[in-house]
Protein backbone atom coordinates (compact mmCIF):
# COMPACT_ATOMS: atom_id res chain seq x y z
CA MET A 1 0.04 0.01 0.04
CA ASP A 2 1.45 3.32 -1.10
CA GLU A 3 1.39 6.30 1.34
CA ASP A 4 0.46 8.65 -1.50
CA ILE A 5 -2.80 6.76 -2.18
CA LYS A 6 -6.03 7.96 -0.63
CA TYR A 7 -7.92 5.06 0.96
CA GLN A 8 -11.44 4.41 2.18
CA VAL A 9 -12.54 2.01 4.86
CA LEU A 10 -14.93 -0.66 3.66
CA ILE A 11 -17.11 -3.04 5.63
CA ASN A 12 -18.89 -6.22 4.58
CA ASP A 13 -22.01 -7.95 5.83
CA GLU A 14 -19.97 -9.91 8.35
CA GLU A 15 -18.73 -6.57 9.78
CA GLN A 16 -15.18 -7.11 8.66
CA TYR A 17 -13.16 -4.19 7.61
CA SER A 18 -10.74 -3.47 4.74
CA LEU A 19 -8.89 -0.57 3.25
CA TRP A 20 -9.45 0.15 -0.45
CA PRO A 21 -8.11 2.85 -2.80
CA VAL A 22 -10.72 5.60 -3.24
CA ASP A 23 -10.07 5.74 -7.00
CA GLN A 24 -11.13 2.02 -7.46
CA ASP A 25 -14.60 0.65 -7.56
CA VAL A 26 -15.81 -0.96 -4.36
CA PRO A 27 -15.86 -4.73 -4.74
CA ALA A 28 -19.08 -6.71 -4.53
CA GLY A 29 -20.21 -7.46 -0.99
CA TRP A 30 -18.48 -4.43 0.47
CA ARG A 31 -19.65 -0.85 1.15
CA GLY A 32 -17.95 2.28 2.34
CA THR A 33 -18.07 3.48 5.87
CA GLY A 34 -17.50 7.12 5.03
CA THR A 35 -14.00 7.24 6.37
CA GLU A 36 -11.28 8.22 3.88
CA GLY A 37 -7.66 9.52 4.06
CA THR A 38 -4.23 8.32 4.41
CA LYS A 39 -3.51 4.62 5.20
CA ASP A 40 -2.52 5.61 8.75
CA HIS A 41 -5.84 7.52 9.28
CA CYS A 42 -7.91 4.68 7.98
CA MET A 43 -5.97 2.07 9.95
CA SER A 44 -6.54 4.19 13.19
CA TYR A 45 -10.24 4.18 12.48
CA VAL A 46 -10.35 0.41 11.86
CA ASP A 47 -8.31 -0.22 15.07
CA GLU A 48 -10.82 1.90 17.05
CA VAL A 49 -14.06 0.41 15.70
CA TRP A 50 -13.12 -3.29 14.94
CA THR A 51 -12.66 -4.57 18.42
CA ASP A 52 -13.98 -8.13 17.83
CA MET A 53 -12.36 -9.83 14.85
CA ARG A 54 -14.97 -12.65 14.80
CA PRO A 55 -17.39 -12.47 11.88
CA ARG A 56 -20.82 -11.22 12.76
CA SER A 57 -22.47 -14.59 12.13
CA LEU A 58 -20.08 -16.38 14.50
CA ARG A 59 -20.73 -13.74 17.26
CA GLU A 60 -24.46 -14.22 16.77
CA ARG A 61 -24.21 -18.06 16.93
CA MET A 62 -22.00 -17.91 20.08
CA ALA A 63 -24.38 -15.45 21.74
CA ALA A 64 -27.24 -17.75 21.04
CA GLY A 65 -25.25 -20.65 22.63
CA GLN A 66 -24.74 -22.52 19.35
CA GLN A 67 -20.93 -22.74 19.45
CA ASP A 68 -19.31 -24.83 16.76
């Protein structure tokens, strides 16, 4: 990832995050969070909001007592 590139933070339906160059089309299954900027800025945002790395579906199953 190049420091000169402007990034955006994406999220998918499983509430997993990714950085993506602003000038490229967002891949299927992902949507923007509204956060854009340098790699460091975007990574700081992801570090702040993505506190549980488990996919949403797994968190829901575990909360319901249906552990795999």
